[in-house]
């Protein structure tokens, strides 16, 4: 799944739950950071959402919320 906000892309990979913050460019995609969604069970099929500068990612019966606010 892919979602966009503030000129950035957020990729959520379905096999192992890797999440990547990606800066798009005309010539390439620059991976800024990555982490793995480890909480929850089952396939990583839910589509992430962004609300009020927060990334919401569900995996099974677990909902994790990550702040997207910069310093």
PDB file of N, CA and C in Angstrom:
ATOM      1  N   UNK A   1       0.840  -1.184   0.000  1.00  0.00           N
ATOM      2  CA  UNK A   1       0.000   0.000   0.000  1.00  0.00           C
ATOM      3  C   UNK A   1       0.883   1.244   0.000  1.00  0.00           C
ATOM      4  N   UNK A   2       0.380   2.291  -0.619  1.00  0.00           N
ATOM      5  CA  UNK A   2       1.108   3.555  -0.677  1.00  0.00           C
ATOM      6  C   UNK A   2       0.139   4.678  -0.341  1.00  0.00           C
ATOM      7  N   UNK A   3       0.615   5.631   0.458  1.00  0.00           N
ATOM      8  CA  UNK A   3      -0.166   6.821   0.784  1.00  0.00           C
ATOM      9  C   UNK A   3       0.791   8.013   0.736  1.00  0.00           C
ATOM     10  N   UNK A   4       0.269   9.184   0.418  1.00  0.00           N
ATOM     11  CA  UNK A   4       1.111  10.376   0.279  1.00  0.00           C
ATOM     12  C   UNK A   4       0.631  11.498   1.183  1.00  0.00           C
ATOM     13  N   UNK A   5       1.594  12.289   1.677  1.00  0.00           N
ATOM     14  CA  UNK A   5       1.282  13.479   2.468  1.00  0.00           C
ATOM     15  C   UNK A   5       2.503  14.388   2.493  1.00  0.00           C
ATOM     16  N   UNK A   6       2.271  15.675   2.361  1.00  0.00           N
ATOM     17  CA  UNK A   6       3.331  16.678   2.467  1.00  0.00           C
ATOM     18  C   UNK A   6       4.517  16.388   1.544  1.00  0.00           C
ATOM     19  N   UNK A   7       4.247  15.910   0.332  1.00  0.00           N
ATOM     20  CA  UNK A   7       5.297  15.663  -0.639  1.00  0.00           C
ATOM     21  C   UNK A   7       6.094  14.392  -0.414  1.00  0.00           C
ATOM     22  N   UNK A   8       5.675  13.571   0.532  1.00  0.00           N
ATOM     23  CA  UNK A   8       6.373  12.319   0.824  1.00  0.00           C
ATOM     24  C   UNK A   8       5.435  11.140   0.567  1.00  0.00           C
ATOM     25  N   UNK A   9       6.017   9.980   0.331  1.00  0.00           N
ATOM     26  CA  UNK A   9       5.255   8.746   0.153  1.00  0.00           C
ATOM     27  C   UNK A   9       5.532   7.826   1.335  1.00  0.00           C
ATOM     28  N   UNK A  10       4.501   7.082   1.734  1.00  0.00           N
ATOM     29  CA  UNK A  10       4.620   6.097   2.801  1.00  0.00           C
ATOM     30  C   UNK A  10       4.237   4.749   2.214  1.00  0.00           C
ATOM     31  N   UNK A  11       5.192   3.824   2.162  1.00  0.00           N
ATOM     32  CA  UNK A  11       4.973   2.495   1.613  1.00  0.00           C
ATOM     33  C   UNK A  11       4.780   1.505   2.761  1.00  0.00           C
ATOM     34  N   UNK A  12       3.780   0.639   2.659  1.00  0.00           N
ATOM     35  CA  UNK A  12       3.530  -0.411   3.650  1.00  0.00           C
ATOM     36  C   UNK A  12       3.555  -1.738   2.911  1.00  0.00           C
ATOM     37  N   UNK A  13       4.595  -2.509   3.141  1.00  0.00           N
ATOM     38  CA  UNK A  13       4.840  -3.762   2.429  1.00  0.00           C
ATOM     39  C   UNK A  13       4.054  -4.896   3.088  1.00  0.00           C
ATOM     40  N   UNK A  14       3.367  -5.704   2.295  1.00  0.00           N
ATOM     41  CA  UNK A  14       2.419  -6.685   2.816  1.00  0.00           C
ATOM     42  C   UNK A  14       3.041  -7.964   3.360  1.00  0.00           C
ATOM     43  N   UNK A  15       4.221  -8.333   2.945  1.00  0.00           N
ATOM     44  CA  UNK A  15       4.775  -9.628   3.358  1.00  0.00           C
ATOM     45  C   UNK A  15       5.320  -9.618   4.786  1.00  0.00           C
ATOM     46  N   UNK A  16       6.140  -8.622   5.130  1.00  0.00           N
ATOM     47  CA  UNK A  16       6.752  -8.590   6.459  1.00  0.00           C
ATOM     48  C   UNK A  16       6.401  -7.338   7.247  1.00  0.00           C
ATOM     49  N   UNK A  17       5.592  -6.453   6.688  1.00  0.00           N
ATOM     50  CA  UNK A  17       5.155  -5.272   7.417  1.00  0.00           C
ATOM     51  C   UNK A  17       6.163  -4.140   7.453  1.00  0.00           C
ATOM     52  N   UNK A  18       7.062  -4.078   6.488  1.00  0.00           N
ATOM     53  CA  UNK A  18       8.020  -2.977   6.442  1.00  0.00           C
ATOM     54  C   UNK A  18       7.316  -1.698   5.991  1.00  0.00           C
ATOM     55  N   UNK A  19       7.648  -0.607   6.644  1.00  0.00           N
ATOM     56  CA  UNK A  19       7.103   0.698   6.313  1.00  0.00           C
ATOM     57  C   UNK A  19       8.269   1.597   5.942  1.00  0.00           C
ATOM     58  N   UNK A  20       8.128   2.309   4.826  1.00  0.00           N
ATOM     59  CA  UNK A  20       9.211   3.172   4.356  1.00  0.00           C
ATOM     60  C   UNK A  20       8.698   4.573   4.077  1.00  0.00           C
ATOM     61  N   UNK A  21       9.447   5.561   4.510  1.00  0.00           N
ATOM     62  CA  UNK A  21       9.207   6.956   4.170  1.00  0.00           C
ATOM     63  C   UNK A  21      10.080   7.248   2.959  1.00  0.00           C
ATOM     64  N   UNK A  22       9.451   7.680   1.868  1.00  0.00           N
ATOM     65  CA  UNK A  22      10.158   7.827   0.607  1.00  0.00           C
ATOM     66  C   UNK A  22       9.945   9.229   0.042  1.00  0.00           C
ATOM     67  N   UNK A  23      11.041   9.835  -0.401  1.00  0.00           N
ATOM     68  CA  UNK A  23      10.982  11.142  -1.045  1.00  0.00           C
ATOM     69  C   UNK A  23      11.013  10.920  -2.555  1.00  0.00           C
ATOM     70  N   UNK A  24       9.908  11.261  -3.246  1.00  0.00           N
ATOM     71  CA  UNK A  24       9.887  11.039  -4.695  1.00  0.00           C
ATOM     72  C   UNK A  24      10.716  12.088  -5.430  1.00  0.00           C
ATOM     73  N   UNK A  25      11.254  11.670  -6.553  1.00  0.00           N
ATOM     74  CA  UNK A  25      12.058  12.531  -7.403  1.00  0.00           C
ATOM     75  C   UNK A  25      11.778  12.098  -8.837  1.00  0.00           C
ATOM     76  N   UNK A  26      12.047  12.947  -9.778  1.00  0.00           N
ATOM     77  CA  UNK A  26      11.799  12.576 -11.184  1.00  0.00           C
ATOM     78  C   UNK A  26      12.627  11.390 -11.644  1.00  0.00           C
ATOM     79  N   UNK A  27      13.790  11.210 -11.058  1.00  0.00           N
ATOM     80  CA  UNK A  27      14.688  10.153 -11.526  1.00  0.00           C
ATOM     81  C   UNK A  27      14.726   8.931 -10.619  1.00  0.00           C
ATOM     82  N   UNK A  28      14.292   9.077  -9.346  1.00  0.00           N
ATOM     83  CA  UNK A  28      14.370   7.939  -8.431  1.00  0.00           C
ATOM     84  C   UNK A  28      13.499   8.176  -7.203  1.00  0.00           C
ATOM     85  N   UNK A  29      13.374   7.135  -6.391  1.00  0.00           N
ATOM     86  CA  UNK A  29      12.708   7.234  -5.100  1.00  0.00           C
ATOM     87  C   UNK A  29      13.788   7.122  -4.027  1.00  0.00           C
ATOM     88  N   UNK A  30      13.908   8.145  -3.187  1.00  0.00           N
ATOM     89  CA  UNK A  30      14.929   8.156  -2.143  1.00  0.00           C
ATOM     90  C   UNK A  30      14.301   7.705  -0.825  1.00  0.00           C
ATOM     91  N   UNK A  31      14.756   6.566  -0.303  1.00  0.00           N
ATOM     92  CA  UNK A  31      14.259   6.061   0.974  1.00  0.00           C
ATOM     93  C   UNK A  31      14.885   6.893   2.090  1.00  0.00           C
ATOM     94  N   UNK A  32      14.027   7.571   2.852  1.00  0.00           N
ATOM     95  CA  UNK A  32      14.485   8.432   3.951  1.00  0.00           C
ATOM     96  C   UNK A  32      14.639   7.625   5.233  1.00  0.00           C
ATOM     97  N   UNK A  33      13.667   6.754   5.527  1.00  0.00           N
ATOM     98  CA  UNK A  33      13.743   5.906   6.710  1.00  0.00           C
ATOM     99  C   UNK A  33      12.815   4.714   6.548  1.00  0.00           C
ATOM    100  N   UNK A  34      13.074   3.668   7.337  1.00  0.00           N
ATOM    101  CA  UNK A  34      12.245   2.470   7.328  1.00  0.00           C
ATOM    102  C   UNK A  34      12.113   1.912   8.737  1.00  0.00           C
ATOM    103  N   UNK A  35      11.051   1.167   8.950  1.00  0.00           N
ATOM    104  CA  UNK A  35      10.885   0.394  10.175  1.00  0.00           C
ATOM    105  C   UNK A  35       9.898  -0.724   9.880  1.00  0.00           C
ATOM    106  N   UNK A  36       9.761  -1.659  10.818  1.00  0.00           N
ATOM    107  CA  UNK A  36       8.879  -2.799  10.606  1.00  0.00           C
ATOM    108  C   UNK A  36       7.747  -2.780  11.622  1.00  0.00           C
ATOM    109  N   UNK A  37       6.523  -2.984  11.129  1.00  0.00           N
ATOM    110  CA  UNK A  37       5.338  -3.107  11.977  1.00  0.00           C
ATOM    111  C   UNK A  37       5.347  -4.521  12.549  1.00  0.00           C
ATOM    112  N   UNK A  38       5.648  -4.651  13.847  1.00  0.00           N
ATOM    113  CA  UNK A  38       5.786  -5.966  14.466  1.00  0.00           C
ATOM    114  C   UNK A  38       4.573  -6.372  15.292  1.00  0.00           C
ATOM    115  N   UNK A  39       3.777  -5.404  15.754  1.00  0.00           N
ATOM    116  CA  UNK A  39       2.607  -5.726  16.561  1.00  0.00           C
ATOM    117  C   UNK A  39       1.496  -6.279  15.681  1.00  0.00           C
ATOM    118  N   UNK A  40       0.648  -7.128  16.236  1.00  0.00           N
ATOM    119  CA  UNK A  40      -0.480  -7.681  15.498  1.00  0.00           C
ATOM    120  C   UNK A  40      -0.137  -9.005  14.846  1.00  0.00           C
ATOM    121  N   UNK A  41      -1.167  -9.615  14.236  1.00  0.00           N
ATOM    122  CA  UNK A  41      -1.007 -10.923  13.607  1.00  0.00           C
ATOM    123  C   UNK A  41      -1.697 -10.956  12.263  1.00  0.00           C
ATOM    124  N   UNK A  42      -1.281 -11.892  11.415  1.00  0.00           N
ATOM    125  CA  UNK A  42      -1.907 -12.078  10.123  1.00  0.00           C
ATOM    126  C   UNK A  42      -1.230 -11.255   9.046  1.00  0.00           C
ATOM    127  N   UNK A  43      -1.825 -11.261   7.847  1.00  0.00           N
ATOM    128  CA  UNK A  43      -1.223 -10.525   6.734  1.00  0.00           C
ATOM    129  C   UNK A  43      -1.298  -9.017   6.939  1.00  0.00           C
ATOM    130  N   UNK A  44      -0.382  -8.323   6.332  1.00  0.00           N
ATOM    131  CA  UNK A  44      -0.315  -6.862   6.406  1.00  0.00           C
ATOM    132  C   UNK A  44      -1.091  -6.277   5.227  1.00  0.00           C
ATOM    133  N   UNK A  45      -2.402  -6.378   5.262  1.00  0.00           N
ATOM    134  CA  UNK A  45      -3.223  -5.973   4.129  1.00  0.00           C
ATOM    135  C   UNK A  45      -3.954  -4.657   4.325  1.00  0.00           C
ATOM    136  N   UNK A  46      -4.032  -4.155   5.536  1.00  0.00           N
ATOM    137  CA  UNK A  46      -4.768  -2.906   5.770  1.00  0.00           C
ATOM    138  C   UNK A  46      -4.027  -1.727   5.131  1.00  0.00           C
ATOM    139  N   UNK A  47      -4.778  -0.807   4.575  1.00  0.00           N
ATOM    140  CA  UNK A  47      -4.186   0.376   3.956  1.00  0.00           C
ATOM    141  C   UNK A  47      -3.937   1.415   5.040  1.00  0.00           C
ATOM    142  N   UNK A  48      -2.739   1.986   5.120  1.00  0.00           N
ATOM    143  CA  UNK A  48      -2.471   3.017   6.126  1.00  0.00           C
ATOM    144  C   UNK A  48      -3.277   4.282   5.837  1.00  0.00           C
ATOM    145  N   UNK A  49      -3.480   5.069   6.869  1.00  0.00           N
ATOM    146  CA  UNK A  49      -4.197   6.346   6.753  1.00  0.00           C
ATOM    147  C   UNK A  49      -3.373   7.439   7.407  1.00  0.00           C
ATOM    148  N   UNK A  50      -3.630   8.662   6.988  1.00  0.00           N
ATOM    149  CA  UNK A  50      -2.991   9.814   7.606  1.00  0.00           C
ATOM    150  C   UNK A  50      -4.081  10.769   8.039  1.00  0.00           C
ATOM    151  N   UNK A  51      -4.018  11.181   9.313  1.00  0.00           N
ATOM    152  CA  UNK A  51      -4.981  12.123   9.859  1.00  0.00           C
ATOM    153  C   UNK A  51      -4.279  13.033  10.848  1.00  0.00           C
ATOM    154  N   UNK A  52      -4.435  14.329  10.657  1.00  0.00           N
ATOM    155  CA  UNK A  52      -3.934  15.316  11.613  1.00  0.00           C
ATOM    156  C   UNK A  52      -2.446  15.089  11.945  1.00  0.00           C
ATOM    157  N   UNK A  53      -1.629  14.909  10.890  1.00  0.00           N
ATOM    158  CA  UNK A  53      -0.176  14.714  11.037  1.00  0.00           C
ATOM    159  C   UNK A  53       0.180  13.427  11.798  1.00  0.00           C
ATOM    160  N   UNK A  54      -0.665  12.403  11.670  1.00  0.00           N
ATOM    161  CA  UNK A  54      -0.390  11.103  12.274  1.00  0.00           C
ATOM    162  C   UNK A  54      -0.612  10.006  11.239  1.00  0.00           C
ATOM    163  N   UNK A  55       0.297   9.036  11.195  1.00  0.00           N
ATOM    164  CA  UNK A  55       0.179   7.876  10.332  1.00  0.00           C
ATOM    165  C   UNK A  55      -0.461   6.759  11.138  1.00  0.00           C
ATOM    166  N   UNK A  56      -1.576   6.226  10.652  1.00  0.00           N
ATOM    167  CA  UNK A  56      -2.287   5.150  11.325  1.00  0.00           C
ATOM    168  C   UNK A  56      -2.101   3.871  10.515  1.00  0.00           C
ATOM    169  N   UNK A  57      -1.586   2.826  11.177  1.00  0.00           N
ATOM    170  CA  UNK A  57      -1.321   1.562  10.502  1.00  0.00           C
ATOM    171  C   UNK A  57      -1.925   0.434  11.340  1.00  0.00           C
ATOM    172  N   UNK A  58      -2.825  -0.348  10.714  1.00  0.00           N
ATOM    173  CA  UNK A  58      -3.457  -1.472  11.406  1.00  0.00           C
ATOM    174  C   UNK A  58      -2.846  -2.776  10.918  1.00  0.00           C
ATOM    175  N   UNK A  59      -2.607  -3.672  11.885  1.00  0.00           N
ATOM    176  CA  UNK A  59      -2.164  -5.023  11.567  1.00  0.00           C
ATOM    177  C   UNK A  59      -2.954  -5.973  12.456  1.00  0.00           C
ATOM    178  N   UNK A  60      -3.897  -6.700  11.853  1.00  0.00           N
ATOM    179  CA  UNK A  60      -4.772  -7.565  12.640  1.00  0.00           C
ATOM    180  C   UNK A  60      -5.637  -6.720  13.553  1.00  0.00           C
ATOM    181  N   UNK A  61      -5.591  -6.996  14.848  1.00  0.00           N
ATOM    182  CA  UNK A  61      -6.411  -6.245  15.800  1.00  0.00           C
ATOM    183  C   UNK A  61      -5.632  -5.123  16.504  1.00  0.00           C
ATOM    184  N   UNK A  62      -4.467  -4.758  15.967  1.00  0.00           N
ATOM    185  CA  UNK A  62      -3.620  -3.718  16.562  1.00  0.00           C
ATOM    186  C   UNK A  62      -3.588  -2.494  15.643  1.00  0.00           C
ATOM    187  N   UNK A  63      -3.765  -1.323  16.230  1.00  0.00           N
ATOM    188  CA  UNK A  63      -3.641  -0.066  15.491  1.00  0.00           C
ATOM    189  C   UNK A  63      -2.497   0.730  16.103  1.00  0.00           C
ATOM    190  N   UNK A  64      -1.461   0.978  15.314  1.00  0.00           N
ATOM    191  CA  UNK A  64      -0.339   1.809  15.759  1.00  0.00           C
ATOM    192  C   UNK A  64      -0.480   3.183  15.137  1.00  0.00           C
ATOM    193  N   UNK A  65      -0.141   4.210  15.909  1.00  0.00           N
ATOM    194  CA  UNK A  65      -0.229   5.594  15.457  1.00  0.00           C
ATOM    195  C   UNK A  65       1.150   6.219  15.614  1.00  0.00           C
ATOM    196  N   UNK A  66       1.647   6.791  14.514  1.00  0.00           N
ATOM    197  CA  UNK A  66       2.966   7.399  14.488  1.00  0.00           C
ATOM    198  C   UNK A  66       2.843   8.874  14.173  1.00  0.00           C
ATOM    199  N   UNK A  67       3.500   9.716  14.935  1.00  0.00           N
ATOM    200  CA  UNK A  67       3.481  11.158  14.694  1.00  0.00           C
ATOM    201  C   UNK A  67       4.319  11.498  13.475  1.00  0.00           C
ATOM    202  N   UNK A  68       3.798  12.350  12.603  1.00  0.00           N
ATOM    203  CA  UNK A  68       4.516  12.820  11.427  1.00  0.00           C
ATOM    204  C   UNK A  68       4.969  14.258  11.588  1.00  0.00           C
ATOM    205  N   UNK A  69       4.802  14.803  12.773  1.00  0.00           N
ATOM    206  CA  UNK A  69       5.174  16.191  13.030  1.00  0.00           C
ATOM    207  C   UNK A  69       6.687  16.320  13.065  1.00  0.00           C
ATOM    208  N   UNK A  70       7.196  17.268  12.323  1.00  0.00           N
ATOM    209  CA  UNK A  70       8.628  17.545  12.350  1.00  0.00           C
ATOM    210  C   UNK A  70       8.969  18.453  13.511  1.00  0.00           C
ATOM    211  N   UNK A  71      10.234  18.495  13.826  1.00  0.00           N
ATOM    212  CA  UNK A  71      10.649  19.357  14.934  1.00  0.00           C
ATOM    213  C   UNK A  71      10.797  20.785  14.479  1.00  0.00           C
TER     214      UNK A  71
END
